[in-house]
C-alpha cells in the first residue's frame, strides 16, 4: 500500500507542477484571458449591481422573449462569468493545496488501476495506454461538455485539453514504472 500511496503522491505532484508551469510560466493561458475594458469606476458601477456570488450569463433566460428559441441570441453574449462581489477570501496557498490534493486523488485512482493491471501481467504499454485513456475520459466527460455548452474559445479548449492530456500521460508512464511487480 505504501508504494501505491507514494505513486499517487508523485503522480499528483507531476500534475501540480505541470499546472503551475502551464499557468504561471508559459504565456499561453494569459493570452486567452481578457479583461473588461473601461475605467475602473465604470467597472465598479457595473459590478455593484450584483450582490450575490454566482455564475452569470447575458442575456439571461429572463431576457428571451416568450416563445423564442433560447439558443439564438442577437448581439453581445456573455456565456459564463463567475463573479464574487465581495472578492475571494481563500488564500492562494489553500487553492494550490486543494489542486494538489485533487490531483493526488486522481493519481491514486489511476495507480490502483495500473497496479491491478501490472499484477495481472499486463504489458507496460497497455498500462500507459489505460492511463492516457483515463485522461481522455476526463476530458470527454468532465471538460468538453462545459466547453461546448458555454462556447469556450477554441484556443482555450485546446490549452485545457493539452493541460489534461500531457501531464496525465507522463503520470501514466511514471506509475507504470513505479508499480512494476516485484520479483518474488
Protein backbone atom coordinates (compact mmCIF):
# COMPACT_ATOMS: atom_id res chain seq x y z
CA UNK A 1 0.00 0.00 0.00
CA UNK A 2 2.88 2.39 0.69
CA UNK A 3 4.09 2.07 -2.95
CA UNK A 4 0.59 2.91 -4.10
CA UNK A 5 0.40 5.99 -1.88
CA UNK A 6 3.89 7.09 -2.93
CA UNK A 7 2.91 6.64 -6.59
CA UNK A 8 -0.25 8.70 -6.01
CA UNK A 9 1.74 11.47 -4.32
CA UNK A 10 4.33 11.57 -7.09
CA UNK A 11 1.61 11.49 -9.75
CA UNK A 12 -0.24 14.35 -8.05
CA UNK A 13 2.96 16.37 -7.80
CA UNK A 14 3.70 15.85 -11.52
CA UNK A 15 0.26 17.18 -12.50
CA UNK A 16 0.59 20.02 -9.96
CA UNK A 17 3.97 21.06 -11.36
CA UNK A 18 2.68 20.94 -14.94
CA UNK A 19 -0.35 23.06 -13.99
CA UNK A 20 1.87 25.57 -12.22
CA UNK A 21 4.28 25.83 -15.15
CA UNK A 22 1.46 25.95 -17.68
CA UNK A 23 -0.41 28.78 -15.95
CA UNK A 24 2.41 30.77 -14.36
CA UNK A 25 5.48 30.35 -16.57
CA UNK A 26 4.13 29.80 -20.08
CA UNK A 27 2.35 32.67 -21.83
CA UNK A 28 -0.47 30.69 -23.44
CA UNK A 29 -3.17 30.89 -20.75
CA UNK A 30 -2.66 34.60 -20.22
CA UNK A 31 -3.16 35.10 -23.94
CA UNK A 32 -6.62 33.51 -23.74
CA UNK A 33 -7.89 35.61 -20.83
CA UNK A 34 -9.37 39.04 -21.41
CA UNK A 35 -10.22 41.83 -19.01
CA UNK A 36 -13.20 44.14 -19.26
CA UNK A 37 -12.26 47.39 -20.99
CA UNK A 38 -13.14 50.68 -19.38
CA UNK A 39 -12.36 52.89 -16.48
CA UNK A 40 -12.25 51.34 -13.01
CA UNK A 41 -15.22 53.46 -11.88
CA UNK A 42 -17.36 52.18 -14.77
CA UNK A 43 -16.50 48.59 -13.95
CA UNK A 44 -17.12 49.05 -10.23
CA UNK A 45 -20.53 50.56 -11.02
CA UNK A 46 -21.33 47.61 -13.30
CA UNK A 47 -20.29 45.04 -10.69
CA UNK A 48 -22.03 46.94 -7.86
CA UNK A 49 -25.38 45.83 -9.30
CA UNK A 50 -24.57 42.23 -8.43
CA UNK A 51 -24.81 41.31 -4.77
CA UNK A 52 -24.56 37.52 -4.85
CA UNK A 53 -21.68 35.23 -5.73
CA UNK A 54 -22.64 33.12 -8.70
CA UNK A 55 -22.29 32.19 -12.32
CA UNK A 56 -23.82 34.82 -14.58
CA UNK A 57 -24.70 34.99 -18.25
CA UNK A 58 -26.00 37.69 -20.54
CA UNK A 59 -28.54 37.80 -21.91
CA UNK A 60 -30.13 35.55 -19.33
CA UNK A 61 -33.12 33.30 -19.85
CA UNK A 62 -35.33 36.06 -18.42
CA UNK A 63 -34.41 38.31 -21.36
CA UNK A 64 -35.57 35.82 -24.01
CA UNK A 65 -38.95 36.81 -25.48
CA UNK A 66 -41.74 34.37 -24.69
CA UNK A 67 -41.86 31.58 -27.24
CA UNK A 68 -38.46 32.49 -28.72
CA UNK A 69 -35.73 29.93 -29.06
CA UNK A 70 -33.39 30.48 -26.13
CA UNK A 71 -30.36 29.25 -28.07
CA UNK A 72 -30.50 32.02 -30.74
CA UNK A 73 -29.38 35.33 -29.32
CA UNK A 74 -28.55 38.53 -31.13
CA UNK A 75 -25.84 40.94 -30.09
CA UNK A 76 -23.17 40.55 -27.42
CA UNK A 77 -23.32 37.45 -25.28
CA UNK A 78 -21.54 36.63 -22.06
CA UNK A 79 -21.86 32.87 -21.86
CA UNK A 80 -20.36 32.44 -18.42
CA UNK A 81 -18.81 34.72 -15.85
CA UNK A 82 -18.08 33.67 -12.28
CA UNK A 83 -18.46 36.70 -10.08
CA UNK A 84 -17.58 37.18 -6.41
CA UNK A 85 -18.81 40.69 -5.48
CA UNK A 86 -17.03 40.70 -2.13
CA UNK A 87 -13.87 39.18 -3.59
CA UNK A 88 -12.46 35.76 -2.81
CA UNK A 89 -11.18 35.24 0.71
CA UNK A 90 -9.47 31.91 0.05
CA UNK A 91 -5.70 32.36 0.24
CA UNK A 92 -3.71 31.22 -2.79
CA UNK A 93 -1.89 28.56 -0.76
CA UNK A 94 -5.25 26.93 0.10
CA UNK A 95 -6.30 26.84 -3.56
CA UNK A 96 -2.95 25.34 -4.52
CA UNK A 97 -3.17 22.76 -1.72
CA UNK A 98 -6.63 21.74 -2.93
CA UNK A 99 -5.32 21.50 -6.51
CA UNK A 100 -2.52 19.21 -5.30
CA UNK A 101 -4.92 17.10 -3.21
CA UNK A 102 -7.37 16.63 -6.10
CA UNK A 103 -4.54 15.59 -8.41
CA UNK A 104 -3.21 13.12 -5.81
CA UNK A 105 -6.68 11.57 -5.56
CA UNK A 106 -6.80 11.25 -9.35
CA UNK A 107 -3.32 9.74 -9.36
CA UNK A 108 -4.36 7.31 -6.62
CA UNK A 109 -7.31 6.09 -8.72
CA UNK A 110 -5.07 5.68 -11.76
CA UNK A 111 -2.36 3.99 -9.67
CA UNK A 112 -4.87 1.41 -8.39
CA UNK A 113 -5.89 0.64 -11.97
CA UNK A 114 -2.31 0.35 -13.19
CA UNK A 115 -1.21 -1.69 -10.19
CA UNK A 116 -4.04 -4.17 -10.80
CA UNK A 117 -3.06 -4.45 -14.45
CA UNK A 118 0.63 -4.89 -13.63
CA UNK A 119 -0.16 -7.62 -11.07
CA UNK A 120 -2.30 -9.33 -13.70
CA UNK A 121 0.65 -9.41 -16.09
CA UNK A 122 -0.45 -6.65 -18.46
CA UNK A 123 2.36 -5.24 -20.60
CA UNK A 124 3.68 -1.81 -19.68
CA UNK A 125 2.43 -0.25 -22.90
CA UNK A 126 -1.14 -1.39 -22.11
CA UNK A 127 -0.87 0.23 -18.68
CA UNK A 128 0.31 3.51 -20.17
CA UNK A 129 -2.50 3.36 -22.72
CA UNK A 130 -5.05 2.92 -19.94
CA UNK A 131 -3.59 5.99 -18.25
CA UNK A 132 -3.90 8.00 -21.46
CA UNK A 133 -7.48 6.80 -21.88
CA UNK A 134 -8.10 7.83 -18.24
CA UNK A 135 -7.11 11.37 -19.24
CA UNK A 136 -9.17 11.25 -22.43
CA UNK A 137 -12.17 10.05 -20.42
CA UNK A 138 -11.77 13.01 -18.04
CA UNK A 139 -11.60 15.40 -20.98
CA UNK A 140 -14.64 13.91 -22.71
CA UNK A 141 -16.98 13.64 -19.72
CA UNK A 142 -15.80 16.41 -17.41
CA UNK A 143 -14.41 19.19 -19.58
CA UNK A 144 -15.77 19.14 -23.14
CA UNK A 145 -19.48 19.24 -22.25
CA UNK A 146 -18.99 22.57 -20.45
CA UNK A 147 -16.61 23.85 -23.12
CA UNK A 148 -19.13 23.20 -25.88
CA UNK A 149 -22.19 24.33 -23.93
CA UNK A 150 -20.60 27.61 -22.81
CA UNK A 151 -18.84 28.19 -26.16
CA UNK A 152 -15.29 28.44 -24.84
CA UNK A 153 -12.91 29.85 -27.45
CA UNK A 154 -11.05 27.19 -29.46
CA UNK A 155 -7.66 28.29 -28.11
CA UNK A 156 -8.86 27.87 -24.53
CA UNK A 157 -10.25 24.40 -25.27
CA UNK A 158 -7.00 23.33 -26.93
CA UNK A 159 -4.91 24.53 -23.98
CA UNK A 160 -7.14 22.80 -21.48
CA UNK A 161 -7.05 19.52 -23.39
CA UNK A 162 -3.25 19.69 -23.52
CA UNK A 163 -3.15 20.59 -19.80
CA UNK A 164 -5.04 17.41 -19.01
CA UNK A 165 -3.59 15.01 -21.57
CA UNK A 166 0.11 15.86 -21.32
CA UNK A 167 0.73 15.57 -17.57
CA UNK A 168 -1.54 12.53 -17.16
CA UNK A 169 0.33 10.77 -19.96
CA UNK A 170 3.59 11.44 -18.10
CA UNK A 171 1.97 10.25 -14.86
CA UNK A 172 0.85 7.06 -16.64
CA UNK A 173 4.42 6.31 -17.66
CA UNK A 174 5.79 7.06 -14.18
CA UNK A 175 3.12 4.98 -12.42
CA UNK A 176 3.64 2.08 -14.81
CA UNK A 177 7.36 2.10 -13.99
CA UNK A 178 6.85 2.57 -10.25
CA UNK A 179 4.21 -0.13 -9.91
CA UNK A 180 6.08 -2.85 -11.76
CA UNK A 181 5.56 -6.06 -9.79
CA UNK A 182 8.48 -7.01 -7.59
CA UNK A 183 10.13 -10.34 -8.29
CA UNK A 184 9.17 -12.96 -5.73
